[in-house]
């Protein structure tokens, strides 16, 4: 049975793309970033493609590729388009699929809808949390919002370990903690492969 895993973060720059690459490699899954805003030549799809080693993964095309690195609704306005959720269709594949969001859950896509509206009922959601001042609040709000909507949620901690933060998040939400990705000086194919081995059994 193939899984669809939606990777979201507690904010921007928390490591969603690295986590997506590791999960893609661990499951030899397909990868899809529905909305890319800015960095079209070097965006997240390119990053994932450069970090994985398996030959089974297909990288699916963005539904929207916007030119400016800002919130999707604003980037779309600059490109004179309106993001229409009806035009964002999950790629058909028999393989597992890793779907990467943009920013956090309530990042606006248009005047009414946010990233949260991209998450389909059959997706499992992985929340990437990184420790910084205020991250407990951001993590709890993200997880609780997903739980209220009835999603199956797990969390991956990324970066410097903070045991007190991680344990209170676990205790408060009772969410599955899939594991952690330590602070690494760099990520390349080998580092991603090592983490993929660790996460293979946890998924």
C-alpha atoms as a PDB file:
ATOM      1  CA  UNK A   1       0.000   0.000   0.000  1.00  0.00           C
ATOM      2  CA  UNK A   2       1.617   3.264  -1.055  1.00  0.00           C
ATOM      3  CA  UNK A   3       1.727   6.208   1.354  1.00  0.00           C
ATOM      4  CA  UNK A   4       1.350   9.901   0.721  1.00  0.00           C
ATOM      5  CA  UNK A   5       3.370  11.909   3.240  1.00  0.00           C
ATOM      6  CA  UNK A   6       2.899  15.677   3.398  1.00  0.00           C
ATOM      7  CA  UNK A   7       5.921  17.460   4.895  1.00  0.00           C
ATOM      8  CA  UNK A   8       5.118  20.748   6.617  1.00  0.00           C
ATOM      9  CA  UNK A   9       7.159  22.928   8.957  1.00  0.00           C
ATOM     10  CA  UNK A  10       6.527  25.086  11.997  1.00  0.00           C
ATOM     11  CA  UNK A  11       7.762  28.022   9.914  1.00  0.00           C
ATOM     12  CA  UNK A  12      10.118  28.746   7.087  1.00  0.00           C
ATOM     13  CA  UNK A  13      13.747  27.528   7.021  1.00  0.00           C
ATOM     14  CA  UNK A  14      13.230  24.683   9.490  1.00  0.00           C
ATOM     15  CA  UNK A  15      14.536  21.972   7.143  1.00  0.00           C
ATOM     16  CA  UNK A  16      11.492  20.696   5.227  1.00  0.00           C
ATOM     17  CA  UNK A  17      13.482  20.092   2.054  1.00  0.00           C
ATOM     18  CA  UNK A  18      16.243  18.101   3.794  1.00  0.00           C
ATOM     19  CA  UNK A  19      13.601  16.013   5.585  1.00  0.00           C
ATOM     20  CA  UNK A  20      11.762  15.526   2.272  1.00  0.00           C
ATOM     21  CA  UNK A  21      14.989  14.333   0.602  1.00  0.00           C
ATOM     22  CA  UNK A  22      15.686  11.882   3.448  1.00  0.00           C
ATOM     23  CA  UNK A  23      12.129  10.482   3.361  1.00  0.00           C
ATOM     24  CA  UNK A  24      12.213  10.289  -0.443  1.00  0.00           C
ATOM     25  CA  UNK A  25      15.453   8.313  -0.288  1.00  0.00           C
ATOM     26  CA  UNK A  26      14.277   6.116   2.630  1.00  0.00           C
ATOM     27  CA  UNK A  27      11.128   5.023   0.766  1.00  0.00           C
ATOM     28  CA  UNK A  28      12.550   5.405  -2.760  1.00  0.00           C
ATOM     29  CA  UNK A  29       9.405   7.501  -3.093  1.00  0.00           C
ATOM     30  CA  UNK A  30       8.318  10.041  -5.676  1.00  0.00           C
ATOM     31  CA  UNK A  31       8.623  13.715  -4.723  1.00  0.00           C
ATOM     32  CA  UNK A  32       6.287  16.625  -5.447  1.00  0.00           C
ATOM     33  CA  UNK A  33       6.414  20.278  -4.442  1.00  0.00           C
ATOM     34  CA  UNK A  34       2.995  21.620  -5.506  1.00  0.00           C
ATOM     35  CA  UNK A  35       3.951  25.294  -5.188  1.00  0.00           C
ATOM     36  CA  UNK A  36       7.451  26.704  -5.624  1.00  0.00           C
ATOM     37  CA  UNK A  37       7.874  30.452  -5.072  1.00  0.00           C
ATOM     38  CA  UNK A  38      11.207  31.821  -6.290  1.00  0.00           C
ATOM     39  CA  UNK A  39      14.505  30.068  -7.071  1.00  0.00           C
ATOM     40  CA  UNK A  40      12.944  28.264 -10.025  1.00  0.00           C
ATOM     41  CA  UNK A  41      16.313  27.166 -11.405  1.00  0.00           C
ATOM     42  CA  UNK A  42      17.629  25.906  -8.060  1.00  0.00           C
ATOM     43  CA  UNK A  43      14.422  25.265  -6.076  1.00  0.00           C
ATOM     44  CA  UNK A  44      13.457  22.452  -3.740  1.00  0.00           C
ATOM     45  CA  UNK A  45      12.806  19.896  -6.498  1.00  0.00           C
ATOM     46  CA  UNK A  46      16.392  20.432  -7.753  1.00  0.00           C
ATOM     47  CA  UNK A  47      17.749  20.174  -4.191  1.00  0.00           C
ATOM     48  CA  UNK A  48      15.958  16.866  -3.589  1.00  0.00           C
ATOM     49  CA  UNK A  49      17.043  15.506  -6.993  1.00  0.00           C
ATOM     50  CA  UNK A  50      20.676  16.321  -6.110  1.00  0.00           C
ATOM     51  CA  UNK A  51      20.513  14.712  -2.648  1.00  0.00           C
ATOM     52  CA  UNK A  52      18.986  11.326  -3.466  1.00  0.00           C
ATOM     53  CA  UNK A  53      20.819   8.287  -4.767  1.00  0.00           C
ATOM     54  CA  UNK A  54      18.071   5.832  -5.763  1.00  0.00           C
ATOM     55  CA  UNK A  55      16.917   5.496  -9.368  1.00  0.00           C
ATOM     56  CA  UNK A  56      13.254   4.775  -8.588  1.00  0.00           C
ATOM     57  CA  UNK A  57      12.200   8.296  -7.579  1.00  0.00           C
ATOM     58  CA  UNK A  58      10.276  10.469 -10.030  1.00  0.00           C
ATOM     59  CA  UNK A  59      10.305  14.199  -9.300  1.00  0.00           C
ATOM     60  CA  UNK A  60       6.906  15.559 -10.342  1.00  0.00           C
ATOM     61  CA  UNK A  61       6.437  19.026 -11.778  1.00  0.00           C
ATOM     62  CA  UNK A  62       5.261  21.924  -9.602  1.00  0.00           C
ATOM     63  CA  UNK A  63       1.589  22.763 -10.101  1.00  0.00           C
ATOM     64  CA  UNK A  64       2.591  26.427  -9.703  1.00  0.00           C
ATOM     65  CA  UNK A  65       6.121  27.748 -10.281  1.00  0.00           C
ATOM     66  CA  UNK A  66       6.156  31.395  -9.200  1.00  0.00           C
ATOM     67  CA  UNK A  67       9.031  33.776  -9.818  1.00  0.00           C
ATOM     68  CA  UNK A  68       9.352  35.648  -6.505  1.00  0.00           C
ATOM     69  CA  UNK A  69      10.579  34.161  -3.212  1.00  0.00           C
ATOM     70  CA  UNK A  70       7.687  35.271  -1.012  1.00  0.00           C
ATOM     71  CA  UNK A  71       4.351  33.993   0.310  1.00  0.00           C
ATOM     72  CA  UNK A  72       2.582  32.117  -2.549  1.00  0.00           C
ATOM     73  CA  UNK A  73      -0.430  34.486  -2.659  1.00  0.00           C
ATOM     74  CA  UNK A  74       1.897  37.498  -3.031  1.00  0.00           C
ATOM     75  CA  UNK A  75       4.235  35.761  -5.506  1.00  0.00           C
ATOM     76  CA  UNK A  76       1.174  34.743  -7.564  1.00  0.00           C
ATOM     77  CA  UNK A  77      -0.112  38.343  -7.608  1.00  0.00           C
ATOM     78  CA  UNK A  78       3.249  39.546  -8.995  1.00  0.00           C
ATOM     79  CA  UNK A  79       3.008  36.883 -11.736  1.00  0.00           C
ATOM     80  CA  UNK A  80      -0.619  37.968 -12.314  1.00  0.00           C
ATOM     81  CA  UNK A  81      -2.048  34.538 -11.557  1.00  0.00           C
ATOM     82  CA  UNK A  82      -4.399  33.341  -8.834  1.00  0.00           C
ATOM     83  CA  UNK A  83      -3.648  29.992  -7.238  1.00  0.00           C
ATOM     84  CA  UNK A  84      -6.623  27.712  -7.853  1.00  0.00           C
ATOM     85  CA  UNK A  85      -6.697  24.581  -5.692  1.00  0.00           C
ATOM     86  CA  UNK A  86      -8.767  22.759  -8.326  1.00  0.00           C
ATOM     87  CA  UNK A  87      -5.727  22.938 -10.616  1.00  0.00           C
ATOM     88  CA  UNK A  88      -3.440  21.320  -8.001  1.00  0.00           C
ATOM     89  CA  UNK A  89      -3.910  17.610  -8.585  1.00  0.00           C
ATOM     90  CA  UNK A  90      -1.917  14.959  -6.725  1.00  0.00           C
ATOM     91  CA  UNK A  91       0.327  13.214  -9.293  1.00  0.00           C
ATOM     92  CA  UNK A  92      -0.820   9.715 -10.207  1.00  0.00           C
ATOM     93  CA  UNK A  93       1.787   7.198  -9.136  1.00  0.00           C
ATOM     94  CA  UNK A  94       1.864   3.652  -7.764  1.00  0.00           C
ATOM     95  CA  UNK A  95       4.909   4.631  -5.717  1.00  0.00           C
ATOM     96  CA  UNK A  96       4.974   6.309  -2.285  1.00  0.00           C
ATOM     97  CA  UNK A  97       4.777  10.089  -2.629  1.00  0.00           C
ATOM     98  CA  UNK A  98       6.488  12.775  -0.535  1.00  0.00           C
ATOM     99  CA  UNK A  99       4.713  16.141  -0.857  1.00  0.00           C
ATOM    100  CA  UNK A 100       6.488  19.252   0.397  1.00  0.00           C
ATOM    101  CA  UNK A 101       4.512  22.292   1.512  1.00  0.00           C
ATOM    102  CA  UNK A 102       5.713  25.904   1.557  1.00  0.00           C
ATOM    103  CA  UNK A 103       6.403  27.695   4.846  1.00  0.00           C
ATOM    104  CA  UNK A 104       3.922  26.822   7.608  1.00  0.00           C
ATOM    105  CA  UNK A 105       0.298  25.620   7.535  1.00  0.00           C
ATOM    106  CA  UNK A 106      -1.384  29.018   7.425  1.00  0.00           C
ATOM    107  CA  UNK A 107       0.729  30.494   4.636  1.00  0.00           C
ATOM    108  CA  UNK A 108      -1.886  31.976   2.278  1.00  0.00           C
ATOM    109  CA  UNK A 109      -2.320  30.629  -1.248  1.00  0.00           C
ATOM    110  CA  UNK A 110      -5.036  33.125  -2.219  1.00  0.00           C
ATOM    111  CA  UNK A 111      -7.584  35.269  -0.362  1.00  0.00           C
ATOM    112  CA  UNK A 112      -9.389  32.265   1.131  1.00  0.00           C
ATOM    113  CA  UNK A 113      -7.100  29.243   1.222  1.00  0.00           C
ATOM    114  CA  UNK A 114      -3.817  28.297   2.879  1.00  0.00           C
ATOM    115  CA  UNK A 115      -1.260  25.459   2.697  1.00  0.00           C
ATOM    116  CA  UNK A 116      -3.518  23.547   5.112  1.00  0.00           C
ATOM    117  CA  UNK A 117      -6.138  23.316   2.334  1.00  0.00           C
ATOM    118  CA  UNK A 118      -3.627  21.441   0.139  1.00  0.00           C
ATOM    119  CA  UNK A 119      -3.539  18.510   2.580  1.00  0.00           C
ATOM    120  CA  UNK A 120      -5.873  15.756   1.395  1.00  0.00           C
ATOM    121  CA  UNK A 121      -7.669  13.354   3.796  1.00  0.00           C
ATOM    122  CA  UNK A 122      -5.504  10.394   2.658  1.00  0.00           C
ATOM    123  CA  UNK A 123      -2.196  12.207   3.354  1.00  0.00           C
ATOM    124  CA  UNK A 124      -0.211  11.511   6.514  1.00  0.00           C
ATOM    125  CA  UNK A 125       1.451  14.674   7.805  1.00  0.00           C
ATOM    126  CA  UNK A 126       5.031  15.031   9.015  1.00  0.00           C
ATOM    127  CA  UNK A 127       5.784  18.200  10.967  1.00  0.00           C
ATOM    128  CA  UNK A 128       9.398  19.391  10.913  1.00  0.00           C
ATOM    129  CA  UNK A 129      10.319  21.216  14.134  1.00  0.00           C
ATOM    130  CA  UNK A 130      13.580  23.042  14.743  1.00  0.00           C
ATOM    131  CA  UNK A 131      14.514  24.459  18.152  1.00  0.00           C
ATOM    132  CA  UNK A 132      14.552  28.269  18.504  1.00  0.00           C
ATOM    133  CA  UNK A 133      13.026  30.726  20.962  1.00  0.00           C
ATOM    134  CA  UNK A 134       9.271  30.416  20.346  1.00  0.00           C
ATOM    135  CA  UNK A 135       9.464  27.059  18.576  1.00  0.00           C
ATOM    136  CA  UNK A 136       7.494  25.176  21.255  1.00  0.00           C
ATOM    137  CA  UNK A 137       4.520  27.482  20.678  1.00  0.00           C
ATOM    138  CA  UNK A 138       4.819  27.188  16.875  1.00  0.00           C
ATOM    139  CA  UNK A 139       5.147  23.393  17.052  1.00  0.00           C
ATOM    140  CA  UNK A 140       2.187  22.909  19.412  1.00  0.00           C
ATOM    141  CA  UNK A 141      -0.048  25.208  17.361  1.00  0.00           C
ATOM    142  CA  UNK A 142       0.883  23.393  14.138  1.00  0.00           C
ATOM    143  CA  UNK A 143       0.287  19.914  15.589  1.00  0.00           C
ATOM    144  CA  UNK A 144      -2.955  20.863  17.355  1.00  0.00           C
ATOM    145  CA  UNK A 145      -4.388  22.430  14.206  1.00  0.00           C
ATOM    146  CA  UNK A 146      -3.626  19.246  12.245  1.00  0.00           C
ATOM    147  CA  UNK A 147      -5.046  17.028  15.013  1.00  0.00           C
ATOM    148  CA  UNK A 148      -8.254  19.108  15.125  1.00  0.00           C
ATOM    149  CA  UNK A 149      -8.649  18.481  11.395  1.00  0.00           C
ATOM    150  CA  UNK A 150      -8.281  14.745  12.018  1.00  0.00           C
ATOM    151  CA  UNK A 151      -4.925  14.185  10.295  1.00  0.00           C
ATOM    152  CA  UNK A 152      -2.502  11.411  11.201  1.00  0.00           C
ATOM    153  CA  UNK A 153       0.500  13.450  12.433  1.00  0.00           C
ATOM    154  CA  UNK A 154       4.120  12.616  13.257  1.00  0.00           C
ATOM    155  CA  UNK A 155       7.022  14.937  14.060  1.00  0.00           C
ATOM    156  CA  UNK A 156      10.708  15.000  13.095  1.00  0.00           C
ATOM    157  CA  UNK A 157      13.073  17.225  15.071  1.00  0.00           C
ATOM    158  CA  UNK A 158      15.804  18.887  13.061  1.00  0.00           C
ATOM    159  CA  UNK A 159      18.988  20.629  14.207  1.00  0.00           C
ATOM    160  CA  UNK A 160      20.498  21.147  17.650  1.00  0.00           C
ATOM    161  CA  UNK A 161      18.890  18.863  20.239  1.00  0.00           C
ATOM    162  CA  UNK A 162      16.847  20.429  23.024  1.00  0.00           C
ATOM    163  CA  UNK A 163      15.566  17.655  25.295  1.00  0.00           C
ATOM    164  CA  UNK A 164      13.241  19.823  27.413  1.00  0.00           C
ATOM    165  CA  UNK A 165      11.500  21.318  24.353  1.00  0.00           C
ATOM    166  CA  UNK A 166      11.223  17.965  22.612  1.00  0.00           C
ATOM    167  CA  UNK A 167       9.855  16.175  25.672  1.00  0.00           C
ATOM    168  CA  UNK A 168       7.166  18.810  26.396  1.00  0.00           C
ATOM    169  CA  UNK A 169       6.046  18.710  22.746  1.00  0.00           C
ATOM    170  CA  UNK A 170       5.830  14.916  22.898  1.00  0.00           C
ATOM    171  CA  UNK A 171       4.035  14.925  26.257  1.00  0.00           C
ATOM    172  CA  UNK A 172       1.527  17.628  25.326  1.00  0.00           C
ATOM    173  CA  UNK A 173       0.520  16.289  21.915  1.00  0.00           C
ATOM    174  CA  UNK A 174       1.189  12.528  22.322  1.00  0.00           C
ATOM    175  CA  UNK A 175       2.250  12.667  18.687  1.00  0.00           C
ATOM    176  CA  UNK A 176       4.599  10.038  17.225  1.00  0.00           C
ATOM    177  CA  UNK A 177       8.181  11.308  17.140  1.00  0.00           C
ATOM    178  CA  UNK A 178       9.736   9.643  14.095  1.00  0.00           C
ATOM    179  CA  UNK A 179      13.225  10.728  15.045  1.00  0.00           C
ATOM    180  CA  UNK A 180      15.675  13.568  14.761  1.00  0.00           C
ATOM    181  CA  UNK A 181      18.152  14.933  12.297  1.00  0.00           C
ATOM    182  CA  UNK A 182      21.168  16.374  14.075  1.00  0.00           C
ATOM    183  CA  UNK A 183      22.882  19.600  13.194  1.00  0.00           C
ATOM    184  CA  UNK A 184      25.162  18.677  10.262  1.00  0.00           C
ATOM    185  CA  UNK A 185      27.824  20.954   8.769  1.00  0.00           C
ATOM    186  CA  UNK A 186      26.474  20.039   5.325  1.00  0.00           C
ATOM    187  CA  UNK A 187      24.095  17.612   3.621  1.00  0.00           C
ATOM    188  CA  UNK A 188      25.170  15.600   0.591  1.00  0.00           C
ATOM    189  CA  UNK A 189      24.074  12.285  -0.927  1.00  0.00           C
ATOM    190  CA  UNK A 190      26.026  10.266   1.658  1.00  0.00           C
ATOM    191  CA  UNK A 191      24.637  12.095   4.693  1.00  0.00           C
ATOM    192  CA  UNK A 192      21.105  11.836   3.280  1.00  0.00           C
ATOM    193  CA  UNK A 193      21.621   8.114   2.626  1.00  0.00           C
ATOM    194  CA  UNK A 194      22.773   7.546   6.229  1.00  0.00           C
ATOM    195  CA  UNK A 195      19.654   9.226   7.609  1.00  0.00           C
ATOM    196  CA  UNK A 196      17.466   7.413   5.068  1.00  0.00           C
ATOM    197  CA  UNK A 197      18.735   4.091   6.473  1.00  0.00           C
ATOM    198  CA  UNK A 198      17.736   5.209  10.001  1.00  0.00           C
ATOM    199  CA  UNK A 199      14.271   6.356   8.947  1.00  0.00           C
ATOM    200  CA  UNK A 200      13.492   3.375   6.693  1.00  0.00           C
ATOM    201  CA  UNK A 201      12.225   1.187   9.521  1.00  0.00           C
ATOM    202  CA  UNK A 202      10.464   4.023  11.347  1.00  0.00           C
ATOM    203  CA  UNK A 203       8.191   4.756   8.395  1.00  0.00           C
END
